[in-house]
Amino acid sequence: MHLFIVVLALTLRAIIRQPDTFRAHAQVRAGGVLKTFLPPVLISKRQRTQMINVRSLLAAAVGFSLAFCGCGNKEDFDGGKAKDILESSPINLEGEQVTLTSMQFDCGVQEDLWEHPTQFSPERSTARLDPKGRDLKFNDDVVIEPTRQPYVQVRGAFSLQVDDVSNIRDGPENGTKLADIKGGVKIQHTCFSNPLPIMGVKKGNFQADIPATFQFRLRDDGWHTEKMVH
């Protein structure tokens, strides 16, 4: 395809640069000096029309070829496409976990998104979710553990920020792809100026350092996010 475009472009250039009249060399002697001049050779109106038509057709062919190549194949799938799809519209998350910084957790307490934590054991405390927190699509109490960042469950459609895409592979069915994603959900509240990182799952447990895995499906109009998988 690239070679085809190059040939078309070179042909078009040659025709466009061609003058409207063909010239032949002639030599005359004037004043003892031999001079060369190019007398015009007129072309017919029909020939001129044909040349214009050829130029127009070649220009259209080159333009179409360039546009066609620029569109790409709708079946192509890479990290850039996965990022674009995930960030283009809100993604539905059902009971996924996101992490909070200590500052975000404290801000949530001050803003009545959740209560002060209650310690149930040396290894685990929880902060009961308040209605204001549920309105932001948090779905369960915040969990605090000694060796981990606070984390909380979310449920609903969220806009995502994708920071990294890796390990793209074929999905479980024809026309599906899996990709590991490092990124976070955007929460419209002053406590959360930065997206909340999505936790991945390893051996049945949510872990902050594990990327989340999303499944994509190819439809008639291209690739779409289907779901997050564990």
C-alpha atoms as a PDB file:
ATOM      1  CA  MET A   1       0.000   0.000   0.000  1.00  0.00           C
ATOM      2  CA  HIS A   2       2.819   2.408   0.843  1.00  0.00           C
ATOM      3  CA  LEU A   3       4.551   1.640  -2.469  1.00  0.00           C
ATOM      4  CA  PHE A   4       1.277   2.277  -4.288  1.00  0.00           C
ATOM      5  CA  ILE A   5       0.958   5.694  -2.668  1.00  0.00           C
ATOM      6  CA  VAL A   6       4.547   6.606  -3.542  1.00  0.00           C
ATOM      7  CA  VAL A   7       4.060   5.667  -7.191  1.00  0.00           C
ATOM      8  CA  LEU A   8       0.814   7.633  -7.393  1.00  0.00           C
ATOM      9  CA  ALA A   9       2.390  10.661  -5.745  1.00  0.00           C
ATOM     10  CA  LEU A  10       5.392  10.655  -8.075  1.00  0.00           C
ATOM     11  CA  THR A  11       3.153  10.271 -11.116  1.00  0.00           C
ATOM     12  CA  LEU A  12       0.918  13.090  -9.976  1.00  0.00           C
ATOM     13  CA  ARG A  13       3.902  15.308  -9.334  1.00  0.00           C
ATOM     14  CA  ALA A  14       5.288  14.666 -12.793  1.00  0.00           C
ATOM     15  CA  ILE A  15       1.976  15.492 -14.456  1.00  0.00           C
ATOM     16  CA  ILE A  16       1.318  18.601 -12.389  1.00  0.00           C
ATOM     17  CA  ARG A  17       4.777  19.951 -13.108  1.00  0.00           C
ATOM     18  CA  GLN A  18       4.287  19.315 -16.791  1.00  0.00           C
ATOM     19  CA  PRO A  19       3.686  22.623 -18.666  1.00  0.00           C
ATOM     20  CA  ASP A  20       0.489  23.280 -20.560  1.00  0.00           C
ATOM     21  CA  THR A  21       2.471  23.367 -23.840  1.00  0.00           C
ATOM     22  CA  PHE A  22       5.181  21.063 -25.100  1.00  0.00           C
ATOM     23  CA  ARG A  23       8.326  22.775 -26.256  1.00  0.00           C
ATOM     24  CA  ALA A  24      10.992  21.734 -28.739  1.00  0.00           C
ATOM     25  CA  HIS A  25      14.536  23.102 -28.932  1.00  0.00           C
ATOM     26  CA  ALA A  26      15.460  25.237 -31.897  1.00  0.00           C
ATOM     27  CA  GLN A  27      18.655  27.084 -32.741  1.00  0.00           C
ATOM     28  CA  VAL A  28      19.083  30.241 -34.789  1.00  0.00           C
ATOM     29  CA  ARG A  29      22.086  32.349 -35.561  1.00  0.00           C
ATOM     30  CA  ALA A  30      21.627  36.035 -34.790  1.00  0.00           C
ATOM     31  CA  GLY A  31      24.449  38.521 -35.020  1.00  0.00           C
ATOM     32  CA  GLY A  32      26.983  35.745 -35.310  1.00  0.00           C
ATOM     33  CA  VAL A  33      25.848  34.174 -32.072  1.00  0.00           C
ATOM     34  CA  LEU A  34      24.091  30.823 -31.971  1.00  0.00           C
ATOM     35  CA  LYS A  35      21.022  31.107 -29.737  1.00  0.00           C
ATOM     36  CA  THR A  36      18.652  28.439 -28.457  1.00  0.00           C
ATOM     37  CA  PHE A  37      14.957  29.063 -27.917  1.00  0.00           C
ATOM     38  CA  LEU A  38      11.885  26.944 -27.154  1.00  0.00           C
ATOM     39  CA  PRO A  39       9.055  27.598 -29.581  1.00  0.00           C
ATOM     40  CA  PRO A  40       5.660  26.646 -28.172  1.00  0.00           C
ATOM     41  CA  VAL A  41       3.798  23.718 -29.543  1.00  0.00           C
ATOM     42  CA  LEU A  42       0.118  24.155 -28.793  1.00  0.00           C
ATOM     43  CA  ILE A  43      -1.998  21.238 -27.610  1.00  0.00           C
ATOM     44  CA  SER A  44      -5.637  20.802 -28.449  1.00  0.00           C
ATOM     45  CA  LYS A  45      -8.505  21.630 -26.096  1.00  0.00           C
ATOM     46  CA  ARG A  46      -9.314  17.930 -25.879  1.00  0.00           C
ATOM     47  CA  GLN A  47      -5.744  17.088 -24.809  1.00  0.00           C
ATOM     48  CA  ARG A  48      -5.805  19.849 -22.201  1.00  0.00           C
ATOM     49  CA  THR A  49      -9.094  18.491 -20.779  1.00  0.00           C
ATOM     50  CA  GLN A  50      -7.660  14.985 -20.641  1.00  0.00           C
ATOM     51  CA  MET A  51      -4.614  16.226 -18.735  1.00  0.00           C
ATOM     52  CA  ILE A  52      -6.811  18.039 -16.207  1.00  0.00           C
ATOM     53  CA  ASN A  53      -8.953  14.953 -15.737  1.00  0.00           C
ATOM     54  CA  VAL A  54      -5.896  12.749 -15.183  1.00  0.00           C
ATOM     55  CA  ARG A  55      -4.522  15.181 -12.620  1.00  0.00           C
ATOM     56  CA  SER A  56      -7.836  15.256 -10.746  1.00  0.00           C
ATOM     57  CA  LEU A  57      -8.181  11.479 -10.737  1.00  0.00           C
ATOM     58  CA  LEU A  58      -4.660  10.928  -9.468  1.00  0.00           C
ATOM     59  CA  ALA A  59      -5.077  13.558  -6.763  1.00  0.00           C
ATOM     60  CA  ALA A  60      -8.291  11.884  -5.617  1.00  0.00           C
ATOM     61  CA  ALA A  61      -6.621   8.447  -5.652  1.00  0.00           C
ATOM     62  CA  VAL A  62      -3.710   9.655  -3.529  1.00  0.00           C
ATOM     63  CA  GLY A  63      -6.052  11.380  -1.083  1.00  0.00           C
ATOM     64  CA  PHE A  64      -8.225   8.300  -0.753  1.00  0.00           C
ATOM     65  CA  SER A  65      -5.213   6.043  -0.230  1.00  0.00           C
ATOM     66  CA  LEU A  66      -3.786   8.288   2.465  1.00  0.00           C
ATOM     67  CA  ALA A  67      -7.131   8.484   4.236  1.00  0.00           C
ATOM     68  CA  PHE A  68      -7.577   4.728   4.016  1.00  0.00           C
ATOM     69  CA  CYS A  69      -4.157   4.062   5.525  1.00  0.00           C
ATOM     70  CA  GLY A  70      -4.772   6.582   8.274  1.00  0.00           C
ATOM     71  CA  CYS A  71      -7.985   4.908   9.408  1.00  0.00           C
ATOM     72  CA  GLY A  72      -6.253   1.650  10.285  1.00  0.00           C
ATOM     73  CA  ASN A  73      -7.862  -1.748  10.729  1.00  0.00           C
ATOM     74  CA  LYS A  74     -10.745  -1.849  13.207  1.00  0.00           C
ATOM     75  CA  GLU A  75      -9.496  -5.269  14.353  1.00  0.00           C
ATOM     76  CA  ASP A  76      -6.130  -3.856  15.463  1.00  0.00           C
ATOM     77  CA  PHE A  77      -5.728  -3.754  19.246  1.00  0.00           C
ATOM     78  CA  ASP A  78      -2.808  -2.403  21.268  1.00  0.00           C
ATOM     79  CA  GLY A  79      -2.084  -0.512  24.469  1.00  0.00           C
ATOM     80  CA  GLY A  80      -2.950   2.852  22.963  1.00  0.00           C
ATOM     81  CA  LYS A  81      -6.342   1.634  21.799  1.00  0.00           C
ATOM     82  CA  ALA A  82      -7.080   0.027  25.171  1.00  0.00           C
ATOM     83  CA  LYS A  83      -6.261   3.296  26.945  1.00  0.00           C
ATOM     84  CA  ASP A  84      -8.408   5.325  24.532  1.00  0.00           C
ATOM     85  CA  ILE A  85     -11.387   2.982  24.969  1.00  0.00           C
ATOM     86  CA  LEU A  86     -11.200   2.943  28.772  1.00  0.00           C
ATOM     87  CA  GLU A  87     -10.864   6.714  29.027  1.00  0.00           C
ATOM     88  CA  SER A  88     -13.419   7.630  26.356  1.00  0.00           C
ATOM     89  CA  SER A  89     -16.548   6.956  28.430  1.00  0.00           C
ATOM     90  CA  PRO A  90     -17.488   5.836  31.977  1.00  0.00           C
ATOM     91  CA  ILE A  91     -16.815   2.179  32.755  1.00  0.00           C
ATOM     92  CA  ASN A  92     -19.134   0.096  34.924  1.00  0.00           C
ATOM     93  CA  LEU A  93     -17.399  -1.405  37.971  1.00  0.00           C
ATOM     94  CA  GLU A  94     -19.236  -3.924  40.120  1.00  0.00           C
ATOM     95  CA  GLY A  95     -17.806  -4.254  43.619  1.00  0.00           C
ATOM     96  CA  GLU A  96     -14.188  -3.425  42.774  1.00  0.00           C
ATOM     97  CA  GLN A  97     -11.750  -2.120  45.367  1.00  0.00           C
ATOM     98  CA  VAL A  98      -9.778   1.141  45.234  1.00  0.00           C
ATOM     99  CA  THR A  99      -7.090   2.414  47.575  1.00  0.00           C
ATOM    100  CA  LEU A 100      -6.982   5.673  49.527  1.00  0.00           C
ATOM    101  CA  THR A 101      -4.066   7.675  50.824  1.00  0.00           C
ATOM    102  CA  SER A 102      -4.030   8.576  54.528  1.00  0.00           C
ATOM    103  CA  MET A 103      -4.794  12.170  53.578  1.00  0.00           C
ATOM    104  CA  GLN A 104      -7.766  11.124  51.470  1.00  0.00           C
ATOM    105  CA  PHE A 105      -9.076   8.920  54.257  1.00  0.00           C
ATOM    106  CA  ASP A 106      -8.799  11.722  56.845  1.00  0.00           C
ATOM    107  CA  CYS A 107     -10.491  14.141  54.438  1.00  0.00           C
ATOM    108  CA  GLY A 108     -13.343  11.648  54.022  1.00  0.00           C
ATOM    109  CA  VAL A 109     -13.837  11.583  57.796  1.00  0.00           C
ATOM    110  CA  GLN A 110     -13.912  15.382  57.966  1.00  0.00           C
ATOM    111  CA  GLU A 111     -16.356  15.587  55.034  1.00  0.00           C
ATOM    112  CA  ASP A 112     -18.709  12.985  56.573  1.00  0.00           C
ATOM    113  CA  LEU A 113     -18.134  10.480  53.794  1.00  0.00           C
ATOM    114  CA  TRP A 114     -17.401   7.830  56.451  1.00  0.00           C
ATOM    115  CA  GLU A 115     -17.041   7.674  60.209  1.00  0.00           C
ATOM    116  CA  HIS A 116     -13.941   7.468  62.367  1.00  0.00           C
ATOM    117  CA  PRO A 117     -12.528   3.933  62.217  1.00  0.00           C
ATOM    118  CA  THR A 118     -13.499   1.249  64.684  1.00  0.00           C
ATOM    119  CA  GLN A 119     -10.907  -1.391  65.485  1.00  0.00           C
ATOM    120  CA  PHE A 120     -12.233  -4.926  65.474  1.00  0.00           C
ATOM    121  CA  SER A 121      -8.888  -6.682  65.840  1.00  0.00           C
ATOM    122  CA  PRO A 122      -5.162  -5.795  65.820  1.00  0.00           C
ATOM    123  CA  GLU A 123      -5.163  -6.597  62.080  1.00  0.00           C
ATOM    124  CA  ARG A 124      -8.296  -4.814  60.962  1.00  0.00           C
ATOM    125  CA  SER A 125     -10.307  -1.619  61.467  1.00  0.00           C
ATOM    126  CA  THR A 126     -13.247  -0.299  59.483  1.00  0.00           C
ATOM    127  CA  ALA A 127     -14.808   3.126  58.958  1.00  0.00           C
ATOM    128  CA  ARG A 128     -18.553   2.935  58.468  1.00  0.00           C
ATOM    129  CA  LEU A 129     -19.733   4.465  55.203  1.00  0.00           C
ATOM    130  CA  ASP A 130     -22.098   7.434  55.495  1.00  0.00           C
ATOM    131  CA  PRO A 131     -24.799   8.509  53.014  1.00  0.00           C
ATOM    132  CA  LYS A 132     -22.575  11.216  51.509  1.00  0.00           C
ATOM    133  CA  GLY A 133     -20.033   8.532  50.706  1.00  0.00           C
ATOM    134  CA  ARG A 134     -22.662   6.302  49.118  1.00  0.00           C
ATOM    135  CA  ASP A 135     -23.747   9.205  46.958  1.00  0.00           C
ATOM    136  CA  LEU A 136     -20.219   9.170  45.482  1.00  0.00           C
ATOM    137  CA  LYS A 137     -20.690   5.449  44.606  1.00  0.00           C
ATOM    138  CA  PHE A 138     -18.599   4.073  47.452  1.00  0.00           C
ATOM    139  CA  ASN A 139     -20.334   0.819  48.303  1.00  0.00           C
ATOM    140  CA  ASP A 140     -19.009  -0.534  51.596  1.00  0.00           C
ATOM    141  CA  ASP A 141     -17.108   0.439  54.731  1.00  0.00           C
ATOM    142  CA  VAL A 142     -13.508   1.579  54.420  1.00  0.00           C
ATOM    143  CA  VAL A 143     -11.014  -1.062  55.544  1.00  0.00           C
ATOM    144  CA  ILE A 144      -7.781  -0.185  57.368  1.00  0.00           C
ATOM    145  CA  GLU A 145      -5.066  -2.800  57.910  1.00  0.00           C
ATOM    146  CA  PRO A 146      -1.606  -2.244  59.417  1.00  0.00           C
ATOM    147  CA  THR A 147       0.479  -3.158  56.361  1.00  0.00           C
ATOM    148  CA  ARG A 148      -1.830  -1.841  53.647  1.00  0.00           C
ATOM    149  CA  GLN A 149      -3.305   1.418  52.431  1.00  0.00           C
ATOM    150  CA  PRO A 150      -6.944   2.017  53.341  1.00  0.00           C
ATOM    151  CA  TYR A 151      -9.248   0.619  50.674  1.00  0.00           C
ATOM    152  CA  VAL A 152     -12.932   0.748  49.865  1.00  0.00           C
ATOM    153  CA  GLN A 153     -15.380  -0.865  47.472  1.00  0.00           C
ATOM    154  CA  VAL A 154     -16.947   1.091  44.604  1.00  0.00           C
ATOM    155  CA  ARG A 155     -19.950   0.262  42.449  1.00  0.00           C
ATOM    156  CA  GLY A 156     -21.277   2.081  39.391  1.00  0.00           C
ATOM    157  CA  ALA A 157     -20.061   3.810  36.239  1.00  0.00           C
ATOM    158  CA  PHE A 158     -16.790   5.722  36.622  1.00  0.00           C
ATOM    159  CA  SER A 159     -14.479   7.700  34.397  1.00  0.00           C
ATOM    160  CA  LEU A 160     -11.004   6.152  34.465  1.00  0.00           C
ATOM    161  CA  GLN A 161      -7.470   7.422  34.157  1.00  0.00           C
ATOM    162  CA  VAL A 162      -5.174   4.804  32.610  1.00  0.00           C
ATOM    163  CA  ASP A 163      -1.484   5.098  33.494  1.00  0.00           C
ATOM    164  CA  ASP A 164      -0.147   1.873  31.992  1.00  0.00           C
ATOM    165  CA  VAL A 165      -1.310  -0.993  29.778  1.00  0.00           C
ATOM    166  CA  SER A 166       0.555  -4.303  29.681  1.00  0.00           C
ATOM    167  CA  ASN A 167       0.258  -8.018  28.944  1.00  0.00           C
ATOM    168  CA  ILE A 168      -2.235  -7.760  26.084  1.00  0.00           C
ATOM    169  CA  ARG A 169      -3.426 -11.235  25.133  1.00  0.00           C
ATOM    170  CA  ASP A 170      -6.264 -13.164  23.549  1.00  0.00           C
ATOM    171  CA  GLY A 171      -9.392 -13.503  25.660  1.00  0.00           C
ATOM    172  CA  PRO A 172     -11.352 -16.634  26.496  1.00  0.00           C
ATOM    173  CA  GLU A 173     -13.556 -16.308  23.384  1.00  0.00           C
ATOM    174  CA  ASN A 174     -12.976 -15.399  19.757  1.00  0.00           C
ATOM    175  CA  GLY A 175     -13.056 -11.665  19.271  1.00  0.00           C
ATOM    176  CA  THR A 176     -11.989 -10.831  22.827  1.00  0.00           C
ATOM    177  CA  LYS A 177      -8.786  -9.433  24.306  1.00  0.00           C
ATOM    178  CA  LEU A 178      -7.471  -9.122  27.853  1.00  0.00           C
ATOM    179  CA  ALA A 179      -5.192  -6.321  29.059  1.00  0.00           C
ATOM    180  CA  ASP A 180      -3.649  -5.523  32.440  1.00  0.00           C
ATOM    181  CA  ILE A 181      -4.269  -1.935  33.479  1.00  0.00           C
ATOM    182  CA  LYS A 182      -2.685   0.351  36.045  1.00  0.00           C
ATOM    183  CA  GLY A 183      -5.039   3.244  36.627  1.00  0.00           C
ATOM    184  CA  GLY A 184      -7.676   4.761  38.843  1.00  0.00           C
ATOM    185  CA  VAL A 185     -11.280   5.908  39.120  1.00  0.00           C
ATOM    186  CA  LYS A 186     -12.143   9.601  39.144  1.00  0.00           C
ATOM    187  CA  ILE A 187     -14.325  10.756  42.030  1.00  0.00           C
ATOM    188  CA  GLN A 188     -15.871  14.213  41.771  1.00  0.00           C
ATOM    189  CA  HIS A 189     -15.082  15.492  45.255  1.00  0.00           C
ATOM    190  CA  THR A 190     -12.519  17.839  46.775  1.00  0.00           C
ATOM    191  CA  CYS A 191     -11.008  14.994  48.822  1.00  0.00           C
ATOM    192  CA  PHE A 192     -10.029  13.125  45.659  1.00  0.00           C
ATOM    193  CA  SER A 193      -8.093  15.430  43.359  1.00  0.00           C
ATOM    194  CA  ASN A 194      -6.181  12.359  42.141  1.00  0.00           C
ATOM    195  CA  PRO A 195      -7.836   9.192  40.794  1.00  0.00           C
ATOM    196  CA  LEU A 196      -8.180   6.319  43.267  1.00  0.00           C
ATOM    197  CA  PRO A 197      -6.015   3.355  42.128  1.00  0.00           C
ATOM    198  CA  ILE A 198      -7.921   0.205  41.191  1.00  0.00           C
ATOM    199  CA  MET A 199      -6.748  -2.922  42.991  1.00  0.00           C
ATOM    200  CA  GLY A 200      -6.057  -6.072  41.020  1.00  0.00           C
ATOM    201  CA  VAL A 201      -6.754  -9.600  42.179  1.00  0.00           C
ATOM    202  CA  LYS A 202      -4.200 -12.331  42.834  1.00  0.00           C
ATOM    203  CA  LYS A 203      -5.187 -15.737  44.197  1.00  0.00           C
ATOM    204  CA  GLY A 204      -8.597 -14.426  45.129  1.00  0.00           C
ATOM    205  CA  ASN A 205      -7.326 -11.426  47.095  1.00  0.00           C
ATOM    206  CA  PHE A 206      -7.389  -7.749  46.157  1.00  0.00           C
ATOM    207  CA  GLN A 207      -3.876  -6.303  46.101  1.00  0.00           C
ATOM    208  CA  ALA A 208      -2.752  -2.739  45.449  1.00  0.00           C
ATOM    209  CA  ASP A 209       0.408  -3.731  43.551  1.00  0.00           C
ATOM    210  CA  ILE A 210      -1.409  -6.013  41.092  1.00  0.00           C
ATOM    211  CA  PRO A 211      -2.813  -4.486  37.871  1.00  0.00           C
ATOM    212  CA  ALA A 212      -6.504  -4.791  37.125  1.00  0.00           C
ATOM    213  CA  THR A 213      -7.500  -6.941  34.136  1.00  0.00           C
ATOM    214  CA  PHE A 214     -10.107  -5.750  31.655  1.00  0.00           C
ATOM    215  CA  GLN A 215     -11.767  -7.725  28.893  1.00  0.00           C
ATOM    216  CA  PHE A 216     -12.514  -6.126  25.516  1.00  0.00           C
ATOM    217  CA  ARG A 217     -14.783  -7.420  22.760  1.00  0.00           C
ATOM    218  CA  LEU A 218     -14.687  -6.711  19.026  1.00  0.00           C
ATOM    219  CA  ARG A 219     -18.074  -5.633  17.642  1.00  0.00           C
ATOM    220  CA  ASP A 220     -19.187  -4.411  14.228  1.00  0.00           C
ATOM    221  CA  ASP A 221     -18.025  -0.854  14.968  1.00  0.00           C
ATOM    222  CA  GLY A 222     -14.750  -1.784  16.684  1.00  0.00           C
ATOM    223  CA  TRP A 223     -13.476  -2.697  20.153  1.00  0.00           C
ATOM    224  CA  HIS A 224     -15.441  -2.045  23.368  1.00  0.00           C
ATOM    225  CA  THR A 225     -14.802  -2.589  27.062  1.00  0.00           C
ATOM    226  CA  GLU A 226     -16.820  -5.584  28.222  1.00  0.00           C
ATOM    227  CA  LYS A 227     -15.930  -6.035  31.884  1.00  0.00           C
ATOM    228  CA  MET A 228     -13.238  -6.236  34.528  1.00  0.00           C
ATOM    229  CA  VAL A 229     -12.190  -9.820  35.194  1.00  0.00           C
ATOM    230  CA  HIS A 230     -10.549 -11.543  38.166  1.00  0.00           C
END
